[in-house]
Amino acid sequence: MANDRDFLGKGLRFPVSVNLNGGVSSSVLEENVRQCIFIILGTAPGERINRPDFGCRIHDLMFSPNNPITAAAAEVYCEEAIYKYEPRVEDVSCRARPNPDEPNRLDIRIEYVLAGKNDKRNLVFPFYLKTEEEGA
């Protein structure tokens, strides 16, 4: 009998690392979903050669001011990307707020439910905005 969590799958660990046996580390089940969300949000559209649409448009906000308008756009972009590229989650909710300790950092709190389960999860994705002085 198959495990009811098998649909969550497994894949390479992010960031890629070496396991104790010298092979490439992998992640499974809920941890794999969490890592895949980080991959989606950390990838800018056009960054992957064979999947030019893959990623999150949050990177368009790189030089935006850290204000409520930027935070609202980040929320929309993150929810949009997660719904589009991560079919193992549902009921996604993103809330972005400026980090009080770092003026160029936007903390995006992501809440989601594993598809078909009543298993609510959350994570915080830190997004760094560059100031004019920092350059590209």
Protein backbone atom coordinates (compact mmCIF):
# COMPACT_ATOMS: atom_id res chain seq x y z
CA MET A 1 0.00 0.00 0.00
CA ALA A 2 1.35 3.41 -0.98
CA ASN A 3 1.93 6.04 1.66
CA ASP A 4 -0.66 8.85 1.48
CA ARG A 5 2.25 11.36 1.44
CA ASP A 6 4.06 9.78 -1.53
CA PHE A 7 2.70 12.47 -3.87
CA LEU A 8 5.00 14.94 -2.09
CA GLY A 9 7.95 13.20 -3.72
CA LYS A 10 11.66 13.68 -3.32
CA GLY A 11 14.38 15.61 -5.06
CA LEU A 12 17.76 17.22 -4.70
CA ARG A 13 18.34 19.15 -1.49
CA PHE A 14 18.45 22.93 -1.83
CA PRO A 15 21.02 24.26 -1.58
CA VAL A 16 22.79 21.32 -3.16
CA SER A 17 25.06 19.52 -0.70
CA VAL A 18 26.98 16.28 -0.31
CA ASN A 19 25.71 13.56 2.04
CA LEU A 20 27.82 11.43 4.39
CA ASN A 21 28.35 8.80 1.68
CA GLY A 22 29.77 11.33 -0.79
CA GLY A 23 26.62 11.47 -2.91
CA VAL A 24 24.27 14.34 -3.57
CA SER A 25 21.85 14.99 -0.69
CA SER A 26 18.13 14.73 -1.30
CA SER A 27 15.03 15.97 0.45
CA VAL A 28 11.72 14.17 0.79
CA LEU A 29 8.06 14.83 1.45
CA GLU A 30 7.19 18.10 3.25
CA GLU A 31 10.79 19.31 3.30
CA ASN A 32 11.01 18.86 -0.48
CA VAL A 33 7.90 21.04 -0.94
CA ARG A 34 9.39 23.75 1.28
CA GLN A 35 12.68 23.71 -0.61
CA CYS A 36 10.88 23.83 -3.96
CA ILE A 37 9.04 26.97 -2.85
CA PHE A 38 12.41 28.59 -2.08
CA ILE A 39 13.65 27.57 -5.55
CA ILE A 40 10.58 29.07 -7.24
CA LEU A 41 10.86 32.36 -5.35
CA GLY A 42 14.63 32.57 -5.73
CA THR A 43 14.55 32.13 -9.50
CA ALA A 44 13.95 35.12 -11.78
CA PRO A 45 11.94 34.48 -14.97
CA GLY A 46 14.37 33.99 -17.86
CA GLU A 47 17.10 32.60 -15.61
CA ARG A 48 16.57 28.99 -16.70
CA ILE A 49 17.43 28.32 -20.31
CA ASN A 50 14.92 25.54 -21.01
CA ARG A 51 12.15 27.04 -18.84
CA PRO A 52 12.24 30.79 -19.51
CA ASP A 53 8.88 31.43 -17.80
CA PHE A 54 9.81 29.61 -14.58
CA GLY A 55 10.34 31.72 -11.49
CA CYS A 56 8.90 34.62 -9.57
CA ARG A 57 8.53 38.20 -10.78
CA ILE A 58 9.56 39.48 -7.34
CA HIS A 59 13.00 40.09 -8.83
CA ASP A 60 11.47 42.96 -10.84
CA LEU A 61 11.21 44.78 -7.49
CA MET A 62 14.95 44.66 -6.81
CA PHE A 63 15.47 48.45 -6.91
CA SER A 64 12.06 49.45 -5.54
CA PRO A 65 11.70 51.36 -2.28
CA ASN A 66 10.90 49.30 0.81
CA ASN A 67 7.35 50.55 1.29
CA PRO A 68 3.78 49.15 1.44
CA ILE A 69 3.34 49.33 -2.35
CA THR A 70 6.43 47.19 -2.94
CA ALA A 71 5.31 44.79 -0.20
CA ALA A 72 1.86 44.40 -1.80
CA ALA A 73 3.42 43.70 -5.21
CA ALA A 74 5.77 41.14 -3.64
CA GLU A 75 2.80 39.36 -2.04
CA VAL A 76 1.00 39.10 -5.38
CA TYR A 77 4.09 37.95 -7.29
CA CYS A 78 4.90 35.25 -4.71
CA GLU A 79 1.36 33.86 -4.54
CA GLU A 80 1.13 33.87 -8.34
CA ALA A 81 4.41 31.95 -8.77
CA ILE A 82 3.65 29.38 -6.06
CA TYR A 83 0.20 28.62 -7.46
CA LYS A 84 1.65 28.34 -10.97
CA TYR A 85 4.66 26.13 -10.23
CA GLU A 86 3.91 24.17 -7.04
CA PRO A 87 0.87 21.89 -7.50
CA ARG A 88 1.43 20.15 -4.15
CA VAL A 89 0.15 23.16 -2.17
CA GLU A 90 -3.14 25.03 -1.90
CA ASP A 91 -4.59 27.91 0.12
CA VAL A 92 -1.43 29.99 -0.30
CA SER A 93 -1.27 33.27 1.59
CA CYS A 94 1.67 35.68 1.42
CA ARG A 95 2.25 38.68 3.68
CA ALA A 96 5.26 40.93 3.11
CA ARG A 97 6.61 43.37 5.69
CA PRO A 98 9.79 45.46 5.86
CA ASN A 99 12.30 44.01 8.29
CA PRO A 100 12.74 46.45 11.21
CA ASP A 101 16.45 45.60 11.62
CA GLU A 102 17.49 45.73 7.96
CA PRO A 103 16.06 48.62 5.92
CA ASN A 104 16.67 46.92 2.57
CA ARG A 105 15.06 43.58 3.51
CA LEU A 106 11.48 42.54 2.92
CA ASP A 107 10.30 39.51 4.92
CA ILE A 108 7.63 37.52 3.10
CA ARG A 109 5.65 35.16 5.33
CA ILE A 110 4.13 32.37 3.25
CA GLU A 111 1.41 30.12 4.62
CA TYR A 112 0.20 27.13 2.65
CA VAL A 113 -1.64 23.86 3.04
CA LEU A 114 -0.37 20.62 1.54
CA ALA A 115 -2.79 19.61 -1.21
CA GLY A 116 -5.54 17.29 -0.03
CA LYS A 117 -4.39 17.52 3.58
CA ASN A 118 -5.24 19.65 6.56
CA ASP A 119 -1.55 20.25 7.17
CA LYS A 120 -0.86 23.98 7.38
CA ARG A 121 2.76 25.06 6.90
CA ASN A 122 4.59 28.38 6.80
CA LEU A 123 7.98 29.80 5.97
CA VAL A 124 9.64 33.20 5.73
CA PHE A 125 11.38 34.18 2.52
CA PRO A 126 13.82 37.10 2.95
CA PHE A 127 14.00 39.32 -0.14
CA TYR A 128 16.72 41.96 -0.31
CA LEU A 129 16.09 45.22 -2.10
CA LYS A 130 19.17 47.00 -3.42
CA THR A 131 19.56 50.68 -2.77
CA GLU A 132 20.75 53.13 -5.42
CA GLU A 133 24.14 53.27 -3.73
CA GLU A 134 24.66 49.49 -3.93
CA GLY A 135 24.22 49.38 -7.69
CA ALA A 136 23.57 46.27 -9.76
